[in-house]
């Protein structure tokens, strides 16, 4: 999201929209290294 905006708050808000689209809301605070392959594909 920071490729299109330069405000952290806006970037965080937009990120949550895309996280919701791919169905990773429950993993929002999970580290990338802790995701399964399928979850990484979604990320």
ModelCIF file with pLDDT and N, C-alpha, C, O atoms, coordinates in Angstrom:
data_MODEL
#
_entry.id   MODEL 
#
_entity.id                         1 
_entity.type                       polymer 
_entity.pdbx_number_of_molecules   1 
#
_entity_poly.entity_id                      1 
_entity_poly.type                           'polypeptide(L)' 
_entity_poly.nstd_linkage                   no 
_entity_poly.nstd_monomer                   no 
_entity_poly.pdbx_seq_one_letter_code       
;(UNK)(UNK)(UNK)(UNK)(UNK)(UNK)(UNK)(UNK)(UNK)(UNK)(UNK)(UNK)(UNK)(UNK)(UNK)(UNK)
(UNK)(UNK)(UNK)(UNK)(UNK)(UNK)(UNK)(UNK)(UNK)(UNK)(UNK)(UNK)(UNK)(UNK)(UNK)(UNK)
(UNK)(UNK)(UNK)(UNK)(UNK)(UNK)(UNK)(UNK)(UNK)(UNK)(UNK)
;
_entity_poly.pdbx_seq_one_letter_code_can   XXXXXXXXXXXXXXXXXXXXXXXXXXXXXXXXXXXXXXXXXXX 
_entity_poly.pdbx_strand_id                 A 
#
loop_
_entity_poly_seq.entity_id 
_entity_poly_seq.num 
_entity_poly_seq.mon_id 
_entity_poly_seq.hetero 
1 1  UNK n 
1 2  UNK n 
1 3  UNK n 
1 4  UNK n 
1 5  UNK n 
1 6  UNK n 
1 7  UNK n 
1 8  UNK n 
1 9  UNK n 
1 10 UNK n 
1 11 UNK n 
1 12 UNK n 
1 13 UNK n 
1 14 UNK n 
1 15 UNK n 
1 16 UNK n 
1 17 UNK n 
1 18 UNK n 
1 19 UNK n 
1 20 UNK n 
1 21 UNK n 
1 22 UNK n 
1 23 UNK n 
1 24 UNK n 
1 25 UNK n 
1 26 UNK n 
1 27 UNK n 
1 28 UNK n 
1 29 UNK n 
1 30 UNK n 
1 31 UNK n 
1 32 UNK n 
1 33 UNK n 
1 34 UNK n 
1 35 UNK n 
1 36 UNK n 
1 37 UNK n 
1 38 UNK n 
1 39 UNK n 
1 40 UNK n 
1 41 UNK n 
1 42 UNK n 
1 43 UNK n 
#
_struct_asym.id          A 
_struct_asym.entity_id   1 
#
loop_
_ma_qa_metric.id 
_ma_qa_metric.mode 
_ma_qa_metric.name 
_ma_qa_metric.software_group_id 
_ma_qa_metric.type 
1 global pLDDT . pLDDT 
2 local  pLDDT . pLDDT 
#
_ma_qa_metric_global.metric_id      1 
_ma_qa_metric_global.metric_value   94.77 
_ma_qa_metric_global.model_id       1 
_ma_qa_metric_global.ordinal_id     1 
#
loop_
_ma_qa_metric_local.label_asym_id 
_ma_qa_metric_local.label_comp_id 
_ma_qa_metric_local.label_seq_id 
_ma_qa_metric_local.metric_id 
_ma_qa_metric_local.metric_value 
_ma_qa_metric_local.model_id 
_ma_qa_metric_local.ordinal_id 
A UNK 1  2 94.00 1 1  
A UNK 2  2 92.00 1 2  
A UNK 3  2 86.00 1 3  
A UNK 4  2 90.00 1 4  
A UNK 5  2 89.00 1 5  
A UNK 6  2 86.00 1 6  
A UNK 7  2 92.00 1 7  
A UNK 8  2 94.00 1 8  
A UNK 9  2 94.00 1 9  
A UNK 10 2 95.00 1 10 
A UNK 11 2 94.00 1 11 
A UNK 12 2 95.00 1 12 
A UNK 13 2 95.00 1 13 
A UNK 14 2 95.00 1 14 
A UNK 15 2 97.00 1 15 
A UNK 16 2 96.00 1 16 
A UNK 17 2 96.00 1 17 
A UNK 18 2 97.00 1 18 
A UNK 19 2 98.00 1 19 
A UNK 20 2 97.00 1 20 
A UNK 21 2 97.00 1 21 
A UNK 22 2 97.00 1 22 
A UNK 23 2 97.00 1 23 
A UNK 24 2 97.00 1 24 
A UNK 25 2 97.00 1 25 
A UNK 26 2 97.00 1 26 
A UNK 27 2 97.00 1 27 
A UNK 28 2 97.00 1 28 
A UNK 29 2 97.00 1 29 
A UNK 30 2 97.00 1 30 
A UNK 31 2 97.00 1 31 
A UNK 32 2 96.00 1 32 
A UNK 33 2 95.00 1 33 
A UNK 34 2 97.00 1 34 
A UNK 35 2 96.00 1 35 
A UNK 36 2 93.00 1 36 
A UNK 37 2 92.00 1 37 
A UNK 38 2 92.00 1 38 
A UNK 39 2 95.00 1 39 
A UNK 40 2 95.00 1 40 
A UNK 41 2 94.00 1 41 
A UNK 42 2 95.00 1 42 
A UNK 43 2 96.00 1 43 
#
loop_
_atom_site.group_PDB 
_atom_site.id 
_atom_site.type_symbol 
_atom_site.label_atom_id 
_atom_site.label_alt_id 
_atom_site.label_comp_id 
_atom_site.label_asym_id 
_atom_site.label_entity_id 
_atom_site.label_seq_id 
_atom_site.pdbx_PDB_ins_code 
_atom_site.Cartn_x 
_atom_site.Cartn_y 
_atom_site.Cartn_z 
_atom_site.occupancy 
_atom_site.B_iso_or_equiv 
_atom_site.pdbx_formal_charge 
_atom_site.auth_seq_id 
_atom_site.auth_comp_id 
_atom_site.auth_asym_id 
_atom_site.auth_atom_id 
_atom_site.pdbx_PDB_model_num 
ATOM 1   N N  . UNK A 1 1  ? 0.818   -1.214  0.000  1.00 94.00 ? 1  UNK A N  1 
ATOM 2   C CA . UNK A 1 1  ? 0.000   0.000   0.000  1.00 94.00 ? 1  UNK A CA 1 
ATOM 3   C C  . UNK A 1 1  ? 0.850   1.261   0.000  1.00 94.00 ? 1  UNK A C  1 
ATOM 4   O O  . UNK A 1 1  ? 0.434   2.294   -0.524 1.00 94.00 ? 1  UNK A O  1 
ATOM 5   N N  . UNK A 1 2  ? 2.042   1.179   0.588  1.00 92.00 ? 2  UNK A N  1 
ATOM 6   C CA . UNK A 1 2  ? 2.918   2.356   0.630  1.00 92.00 ? 2  UNK A CA 1 
ATOM 7   C C  . UNK A 1 2  ? 3.445   2.750   -0.748 1.00 92.00 ? 2  UNK A C  1 
ATOM 8   O O  . UNK A 1 2  ? 4.024   3.823   -0.915 1.00 92.00 ? 2  UNK A O  1 
ATOM 9   N N  . UNK A 1 3  ? 3.241   1.881   -1.725 1.00 86.00 ? 3  UNK A N  1 
ATOM 10  C CA . UNK A 1 3  ? 3.601   2.243   -3.094 1.00 86.00 ? 3  UNK A CA 1 
ATOM 11  C C  . UNK A 1 3  ? 2.650   3.300   -3.653 1.00 86.00 ? 3  UNK A C  1 
ATOM 12  O O  . UNK A 1 3  ? 2.971   3.991   -4.620 1.00 86.00 ? 3  UNK A O  1 
ATOM 13  N N  . UNK A 1 4  ? 1.466   3.414   -3.025 1.00 90.00 ? 4  UNK A N  1 
ATOM 14  C CA . UNK A 1 4  ? 0.453   4.354   -3.526 1.00 90.00 ? 4  UNK A CA 1 
ATOM 15  C C  . UNK A 1 4  ? 0.115   5.467   -2.540 1.00 90.00 ? 4  UNK A C  1 
ATOM 16  O O  . UNK A 1 4  ? -0.585  6.414   -2.899 1.00 90.00 ? 4  UNK A O  1 
ATOM 17  N N  . UNK A 1 5  ? 0.595   5.370   -1.318 1.00 89.00 ? 5  UNK A N  1 
ATOM 18  C CA . UNK A 1 5  ? 0.321   6.437   -0.345 1.00 89.00 ? 5  UNK A CA 1 
ATOM 19  C C  . UNK A 1 5  ? 1.533   6.577   0.577  1.00 89.00 ? 5  UNK A C  1 
ATOM 20  O O  . UNK A 1 5  ? 2.333   5.651   0.713  1.00 89.00 ? 5  UNK A O  1 
ATOM 21  N N  . UNK A 1 6  ? 1.654   7.732   1.198  1.00 86.00 ? 6  UNK A N  1 
ATOM 22  C CA . UNK A 1 6  ? 2.826   7.971   2.051  1.00 86.00 ? 6  UNK A CA 1 
ATOM 23  C C  . UNK A 1 6  ? 2.446   8.234   3.509  1.00 86.00 ? 6  UNK A C  1 
ATOM 24  O O  . UNK A 1 6  ? 3.265   8.718   4.290  1.00 86.00 ? 6  UNK A O  1 
ATOM 25  N N  . UNK A 1 7  ? 1.204   7.915   3.872  1.00 92.00 ? 7  UNK A N  1 
ATOM 26  C CA . UNK A 1 7  ? 0.771   8.061   5.255  1.00 92.00 ? 7  UNK A CA 1 
ATOM 27  C C  . UNK A 1 7  ? 0.564   6.676   5.858  1.00 92.00 ? 7  UNK A C  1 
ATOM 28  O O  . UNK A 1 7  ? -0.164  5.851   5.305  1.00 92.00 ? 7  UNK A O  1 
ATOM 29  N N  . UNK A 1 8  ? 1.211   6.429   6.997  1.00 94.00 ? 8  UNK A N  1 
ATOM 30  C CA . UNK A 1 8  ? 1.149   5.112   7.627  1.00 94.00 ? 8  UNK A CA 1 
ATOM 31  C C  . UNK A 1 8  ? -0.294  4.739   7.988  1.00 94.00 ? 8  UNK A C  1 
ATOM 32  O O  . UNK A 1 8  ? -0.715  3.602   7.776  1.00 94.00 ? 8  UNK A O  1 
ATOM 33  N N  . UNK A 1 9  ? -1.031  5.680   8.521  1.00 94.00 ? 9  UNK A N  1 
ATOM 34  C CA . UNK A 1 9  ? -2.407  5.389   8.921  1.00 94.00 ? 9  UNK A CA 1 
ATOM 35  C C  . UNK A 1 9  ? -3.248  4.961   7.723  1.00 94.00 ? 9  UNK A C  1 
ATOM 36  O O  . UNK A 1 9  ? -4.031  4.015   7.809  1.00 94.00 ? 9  UNK A O  1 
ATOM 37  N N  . UNK A 1 10 ? -3.081  5.664   6.612  1.00 95.00 ? 10 UNK A N  1 
ATOM 38  C CA . UNK A 1 10 ? -3.827  5.319   5.398  1.00 95.00 ? 10 UNK A CA 1 
ATOM 39  C C  . UNK A 1 10 ? -3.381  3.965   4.863  1.00 95.00 ? 10 UNK A C  1 
ATOM 40  O O  . UNK A 1 10 ? -4.198  3.154   4.427  1.00 95.00 ? 10 UNK A O  1 
ATOM 41  N N  . UNK A 1 11 ? -2.064  3.733   4.906  1.00 94.00 ? 11 UNK A N  1 
ATOM 42  C CA . UNK A 1 11 ? -1.532  2.456   4.427  1.00 94.00 ? 11 UNK A CA 1 
ATOM 43  C C  . UNK A 1 11 ? -2.085  1.296   5.251  1.00 94.00 ? 11 UNK A C  1 
ATOM 44  O O  . UNK A 1 11 ? -2.428  0.250   4.701  1.00 94.00 ? 11 UNK A O  1 
ATOM 45  N N  . UNK A 1 12 ? -2.171  1.478   6.552  1.00 95.00 ? 12 UNK A N  1 
ATOM 46  C CA . UNK A 1 12 ? -2.684  0.428   7.432  1.00 95.00 ? 12 UNK A CA 1 
ATOM 47  C C  . UNK A 1 12 ? -4.165  0.164   7.141  1.00 95.00 ? 12 UNK A C  1 
ATOM 48  O O  . UNK A 1 12 ? -4.600  -0.988  7.107  1.00 95.00 ? 12 UNK A O  1 
ATOM 49  N N  . UNK A 1 13 ? -4.918  1.213   6.937  1.00 95.00 ? 13 UNK A N  1 
ATOM 50  C CA . UNK A 1 13 ? -6.347  1.078   6.646  1.00 95.00 ? 13 UNK A CA 1 
ATOM 51  C C  . UNK A 1 13 ? -6.568  0.320   5.339  1.00 95.00 ? 13 UNK A C  1 
ATOM 52  O O  . UNK A 1 13 ? -7.405  -0.579  5.259  1.00 95.00 ? 13 UNK A O  1 
ATOM 53  N N  . UNK A 1 14 ? -5.806  0.698   4.328  1.00 95.00 ? 14 UNK A N  1 
ATOM 54  C CA . UNK A 1 14 ? -5.944  0.027   3.035  1.00 95.00 ? 14 UNK A CA 1 
ATOM 55  C C  . UNK A 1 14 ? -5.487  -1.432  3.127  1.00 95.00 ? 14 UNK A C  1 
ATOM 56  O O  . UNK A 1 14 ? -6.091  -2.319  2.524  1.00 95.00 ? 14 UNK A O  1 
ATOM 57  N N  . UNK A 1 15 ? -4.427  -1.665  3.878  1.00 97.00 ? 15 UNK A N  1 
ATOM 58  C CA . UNK A 1 15 ? -3.926  -3.034  4.024  1.00 97.00 ? 15 UNK A CA 1 
ATOM 59  C C  . UNK A 1 15 ? -4.998  -3.941  4.605  1.00 97.00 ? 15 UNK A C  1 
ATOM 60  O O  . UNK A 1 15 ? -5.140  -5.087  4.179  1.00 97.00 ? 15 UNK A O  1 
ATOM 61  N N  . UNK A 1 16 ? -5.750  -3.439  5.572  1.00 96.00 ? 16 UNK A N  1 
ATOM 62  C CA . UNK A 1 16 ? -6.783  -4.252  6.184  1.00 96.00 ? 16 UNK A CA 1 
ATOM 63  C C  . UNK A 1 16 ? -7.871  -4.631  5.179  1.00 96.00 ? 16 UNK A C  1 
ATOM 64  O O  . UNK A 1 16 ? -8.467  -5.702  5.292  1.00 96.00 ? 16 UNK A O  1 
ATOM 65  N N  . UNK A 1 17 ? -8.131  -3.775  4.211  1.00 96.00 ? 17 UNK A N  1 
ATOM 66  C CA . UNK A 1 17 ? -9.118  -4.083  3.172  1.00 96.00 ? 17 UNK A CA 1 
ATOM 67  C C  . UNK A 1 17 ? -8.662  -5.275  2.332  1.00 96.00 ? 17 UNK A C  1 
ATOM 68  O O  . UNK A 1 17 ? -9.449  -6.178  2.046  1.00 96.00 ? 17 UNK A O  1 
ATOM 69  N N  . UNK A 1 18 ? -7.397  -5.271  1.942  1.00 97.00 ? 18 UNK A N  1 
ATOM 70  C CA . UNK A 1 18 ? -6.885  -6.358  1.109  1.00 97.00 ? 18 UNK A CA 1 
ATOM 71  C C  . UNK A 1 18 ? -6.723  -7.647  1.911  1.00 97.00 ? 18 UNK A C  1 
ATOM 72  O O  . UNK A 1 18 ? -6.921  -8.741  1.382  1.00 97.00 ? 18 UNK A O  1 
ATOM 73  N N  . UNK A 1 19 ? -6.368  -7.518  3.166  1.00 98.00 ? 19 UNK A N  1 
ATOM 74  C CA . UNK A 1 19 ? -6.293  -8.692  4.039  1.00 98.00 ? 19 UNK A CA 1 
ATOM 75  C C  . UNK A 1 19 ? -7.666  -9.339  4.156  1.00 98.00 ? 19 UNK A C  1 
ATOM 76  O O  . UNK A 1 19 ? -7.785  -10.564 4.147  1.00 98.00 ? 19 UNK A O  1 
ATOM 77  N N  . UNK A 1 20 ? -8.694  -8.518  4.264  1.00 97.00 ? 20 UNK A N  1 
ATOM 78  C CA . UNK A 1 20 ? -10.043 -9.040  4.309  1.00 97.00 ? 20 UNK A CA 1 
ATOM 79  C C  . UNK A 1 20 ? -10.442 -9.711  3.009  1.00 97.00 ? 20 UNK A C  1 
ATOM 80  O O  . UNK A 1 20 ? -11.117 -10.740 3.020  1.00 97.00 ? 20 UNK A O  1 
ATOM 81  N N  . UNK A 1 21 ? -10.030 -9.137  1.894  1.00 97.00 ? 21 UNK A N  1 
ATOM 82  C CA . UNK A 1 21 ? -10.380 -9.709  0.593  1.00 97.00 ? 21 UNK A CA 1 
ATOM 83  C C  . UNK A 1 21 ? -9.842  -11.123 0.442  1.00 97.00 ? 21 UNK A C  1 
ATOM 84  O O  . UNK A 1 21 ? -10.534 -11.997 -0.082 1.00 97.00 ? 21 UNK A O  1 
ATOM 85  N N  . UNK A 1 22 ? -8.606  -11.359 0.898  1.00 97.00 ? 22 UNK A N  1 
ATOM 86  C CA . UNK A 1 22 ? -8.001  -12.682 0.738  1.00 97.00 ? 22 UNK A CA 1 
ATOM 87  C C  . UNK A 1 22 ? -8.298  -13.621 1.902  1.00 97.00 ? 22 UNK A C  1 
ATOM 88  O O  . UNK A 1 22 ? -7.853  -14.769 1.907  1.00 97.00 ? 22 UNK A O  1 
ATOM 89  N N  . UNK A 1 23 ? -9.054  -13.132 2.894  1.00 97.00 ? 23 UNK A N  1 
ATOM 90  C CA . UNK A 1 23 ? -9.479  -14.003 3.984  1.00 97.00 ? 23 UNK A CA 1 
ATOM 91  C C  . UNK A 1 23 ? -8.441  -14.275 5.052  1.00 97.00 ? 23 UNK A C  1 
ATOM 92  O O  . UNK A 1 23 ? -8.414  -15.361 5.631  1.00 97.00 ? 23 UNK A O  1 
ATOM 93  N N  . UNK A 1 24 ? -7.586  -13.298 5.321  1.00 97.00 ? 24 UNK A N  1 
ATOM 94  C CA . UNK A 1 24 ? -6.543  -13.486 6.339  1.00 97.00 ? 24 UNK A CA 1 
ATOM 95  C C  . UNK A 1 24 ? -6.759  -12.606 7.562  1.00 97.00 ? 24 UNK A C  1 
ATOM 96  O O  . UNK A 1 24 ? -5.807  -12.325 8.290  1.00 97.00 ? 24 UNK A O  1 
ATOM 97  N N  . UNK A 1 25 ? -7.994  -12.166 7.803  1.00 97.00 ? 25 UNK A N  1 
ATOM 98  C CA . UNK A 1 25 ? -8.236  -11.285 8.954  1.00 97.00 ? 25 UNK A CA 1 
ATOM 99  C C  . UNK A 1 25 ? -7.739  -11.893 10.260 1.00 97.00 ? 25 UNK A C  1 
ATOM 100 O O  . UNK A 1 25 ? -7.167  -11.198 11.100 1.00 97.00 ? 25 UNK A O  1 
ATOM 101 N N  . UNK A 1 26 ? -7.961  -13.187 10.424 1.00 97.00 ? 26 UNK A N  1 
ATOM 102 C CA . UNK A 1 26 ? -7.574  -13.847 11.673 1.00 97.00 ? 26 UNK A CA 1 
ATOM 103 C C  . UNK A 1 26 ? -6.059  -13.960 11.824 1.00 97.00 ? 26 UNK A C  1 
ATOM 104 O O  . UNK A 1 26 ? -5.568  -14.260 12.912 1.00 97.00 ? 26 UNK A O  1 
ATOM 105 N N  . UNK A 1 27 ? -5.310  -13.721 10.740 1.00 97.00 ? 27 UNK A N  1 
ATOM 106 C CA . UNK A 1 27 ? -3.851  -13.837 10.759 1.00 97.00 ? 27 UNK A CA 1 
ATOM 107 C C  . UNK A 1 27 ? -3.170  -12.467 10.680 1.00 97.00 ? 27 UNK A C  1 
ATOM 108 O O  . UNK A 1 27 ? -1.968  -12.388 10.425 1.00 97.00 ? 27 UNK A O  1 
ATOM 109 N N  . UNK A 1 28 ? -3.912  -11.416 10.893 1.00 97.00 ? 28 UNK A N  1 
ATOM 110 C CA . UNK A 1 28 ? -3.398  -10.057 10.683 1.00 97.00 ? 28 UNK A CA 1 
ATOM 111 C C  . UNK A 1 28 ? -2.107  -9.791  11.453 1.00 97.00 ? 28 UNK A C  1 
ATOM 112 O O  . UNK A 1 28 ? -1.222  -9.106  10.939 1.00 97.00 ? 28 UNK A O  1 
ATOM 113 N N  . UNK A 1 29 ? -1.979  -10.316 12.671 1.00 97.00 ? 29 UNK A N  1 
ATOM 114 C CA . UNK A 1 29 ? -0.792  -10.046 13.488 1.00 97.00 ? 29 UNK A CA 1 
ATOM 115 C C  . UNK A 1 29 ? 0.207   -11.209 13.478 1.00 97.00 ? 29 UNK A C  1 
ATOM 116 O O  . UNK A 1 29 ? 1.182   -11.205 14.230 1.00 97.00 ? 29 UNK A O  1 
ATOM 117 N N  . UNK A 1 30 ? -0.045  -12.200 12.623 1.00 97.00 ? 30 UNK A N  1 
ATOM 118 C CA . UNK A 1 30 ? 0.856   -13.356 12.522 1.00 97.00 ? 30 UNK A CA 1 
ATOM 119 C C  . UNK A 1 30 ? 2.061   -12.999 11.666 1.00 97.00 ? 30 UNK A C  1 
ATOM 120 O O  . UNK A 1 30 ? 1.929   -12.294 10.665 1.00 97.00 ? 30 UNK A O  1 
ATOM 121 N N  . UNK A 1 31 ? 3.230   -13.481 12.054 1.00 97.00 ? 31 UNK A N  1 
ATOM 122 C CA . UNK A 1 31 ? 4.446   -13.226 11.266 1.00 97.00 ? 31 UNK A CA 1 
ATOM 123 C C  . UNK A 1 31 ? 4.400   -14.013 9.962  1.00 97.00 ? 31 UNK A C  1 
ATOM 124 O O  . UNK A 1 31 ? 3.821   -15.098 9.889  1.00 97.00 ? 31 UNK A O  1 
ATOM 125 N N  . UNK A 1 32 ? 5.020   -13.446 8.942  1.00 96.00 ? 32 UNK A N  1 
ATOM 126 C CA . UNK A 1 32 ? 5.044   -14.108 7.641  1.00 96.00 ? 32 UNK A CA 1 
ATOM 127 C C  . UNK A 1 32 ? 5.616   -15.511 7.688  1.00 96.00 ? 32 UNK A C  1 
ATOM 128 O O  . UNK A 1 32 ? 5.142   -16.399 6.979  1.00 96.00 ? 32 UNK A O  1 
ATOM 129 N N  . UNK A 1 33 ? 6.633   -15.721 8.520  1.00 95.00 ? 33 UNK A N  1 
ATOM 130 C CA . UNK A 1 33 ? 7.290   -17.024 8.589  1.00 95.00 ? 33 UNK A CA 1 
ATOM 131 C C  . UNK A 1 33 ? 6.417   -18.082 9.251  1.00 95.00 ? 33 UNK A C  1 
ATOM 132 O O  . UNK A 1 33 ? 6.728   -19.270 9.173  1.00 95.00 ? 33 UNK A O  1 
ATOM 133 N N  . UNK A 1 34 ? 5.351   -17.681 9.890  1.00 97.00 ? 34 UNK A N  1 
ATOM 134 C CA . UNK A 1 34 ? 4.486   -18.625 10.599 1.00 97.00 ? 34 UNK A CA 1 
ATOM 135 C C  . UNK A 1 34 ? 3.288   -19.085 9.768  1.00 97.00 ? 34 UNK A C  1 
ATOM 136 O O  . UNK A 1 34 ? 2.474   -19.875 10.246 1.00 97.00 ? 34 UNK A O  1 
ATOM 137 N N  . UNK A 1 35 ? 3.175   -18.609 8.549  1.00 96.00 ? 35 UNK A N  1 
ATOM 138 C CA . UNK A 1 35 ? 2.037   -18.940 7.704  1.00 96.00 ? 35 UNK A CA 1 
ATOM 139 C C  . UNK A 1 35 ? 2.260   -20.246 6.950  1.00 96.00 ? 35 UNK A C  1 
ATOM 140 O O  . UNK A 1 35 ? 3.395   -20.613 6.647  1.00 96.00 ? 35 UNK A O  1 
ATOM 141 N N  . UNK A 1 36 ? 1.175   -20.937 6.652  1.00 93.00 ? 36 UNK A N  1 
ATOM 142 C CA . UNK A 1 36 ? 1.241   -22.111 5.777  1.00 93.00 ? 36 UNK A CA 1 
ATOM 143 C C  . UNK A 1 36 ? 1.455   -21.658 4.337  1.00 93.00 ? 36 UNK A C  1 
ATOM 144 O O  . UNK A 1 36 ? 1.346   -20.468 4.039  1.00 93.00 ? 36 UNK A O  1 
ATOM 145 N N  . UNK A 1 37 ? 1.758   -22.592 3.446  1.00 92.00 ? 37 UNK A N  1 
ATOM 146 C CA . UNK A 1 37 ? 1.977   -22.238 2.041  1.00 92.00 ? 37 UNK A CA 1 
ATOM 147 C C  . UNK A 1 37 ? 0.734   -21.594 1.437  1.00 92.00 ? 37 UNK A C  1 
ATOM 148 O O  . UNK A 1 37 ? 0.834   -20.595 0.725  1.00 92.00 ? 37 UNK A O  1 
ATOM 149 N N  . UNK A 1 38 ? -0.433  -22.163 1.720  1.00 92.00 ? 38 UNK A N  1 
ATOM 150 C CA . UNK A 1 38 ? -1.666  -21.592 1.195  1.00 92.00 ? 38 UNK A CA 1 
ATOM 151 C C  . UNK A 1 38 ? -1.913  -20.188 1.710  1.00 92.00 ? 38 UNK A C  1 
ATOM 152 O O  . UNK A 1 38 ? -2.377  -19.325 0.966  1.00 92.00 ? 38 UNK A O  1 
ATOM 153 N N  . UNK A 1 39 ? -1.606  -19.951 2.980  1.00 95.00 ? 39 UNK A N  1 
ATOM 154 C CA . UNK A 1 39 ? -1.769  -18.618 3.558  1.00 95.00 ? 39 UNK A CA 1 
ATOM 155 C C  . UNK A 1 39 ? -0.761  -17.642 2.967  1.00 95.00 ? 39 UNK A C  1 
ATOM 156 O O  . UNK A 1 39 ? -1.068  -16.466 2.769  1.00 95.00 ? 39 UNK A O  1 
ATOM 157 N N  . UNK A 1 40 ? 0.435   -18.128 2.687  1.00 95.00 ? 40 UNK A N  1 
ATOM 158 C CA . UNK A 1 40 ? 1.436   -17.262 2.051  1.00 95.00 ? 40 UNK A CA 1 
ATOM 159 C C  . UNK A 1 40 ? 1.010   -16.859 0.650  1.00 95.00 ? 40 UNK A C  1 
ATOM 160 O O  . UNK A 1 40 ? 1.254   -15.732 0.218  1.00 95.00 ? 40 UNK A O  1 
ATOM 161 N N  . UNK A 1 41 ? 0.372   -17.784 -0.059 1.00 94.00 ? 41 UNK A N  1 
ATOM 162 C CA . UNK A 1 41 ? -0.153  -17.456 -1.380 1.00 94.00 ? 41 UNK A CA 1 
ATOM 163 C C  . UNK A 1 41 ? -1.177  -16.332 -1.279 1.00 94.00 ? 41 UNK A C  1 
ATOM 164 O O  . UNK A 1 41 ? -1.174  -15.403 -2.088 1.00 94.00 ? 41 UNK A O  1 
ATOM 165 N N  . UNK A 1 42 ? -2.048  -16.423 -0.286 1.00 95.00 ? 42 UNK A N  1 
ATOM 166 C CA . UNK A 1 42 ? -3.057  -15.386 -0.075 1.00 95.00 ? 42 UNK A CA 1 
ATOM 167 C C  . UNK A 1 42 ? -2.400  -14.054 0.307  1.00 95.00 ? 42 UNK A C  1 
ATOM 168 O O  . UNK A 1 42 ? -2.807  -12.991 -0.161 1.00 95.00 ? 42 UNK A O  1 
ATOM 169 N N  . UNK A 1 43 ? -1.387  -14.131 1.159  1.00 96.00 ? 43 UNK A N  1 
ATOM 170 C CA . UNK A 1 43 ? -0.681  -12.917 1.564  1.00 96.00 ? 43 UNK A CA 1 
ATOM 171 C C  . UNK A 1 43 ? -0.008  -12.249 0.364  1.00 96.00 ? 43 UNK A C  1 
ATOM 172 O O  . UNK A 1 43 ? 0.636   -11.211 0.516  1.00 96.00 ? 43 UNK A O  1 
#
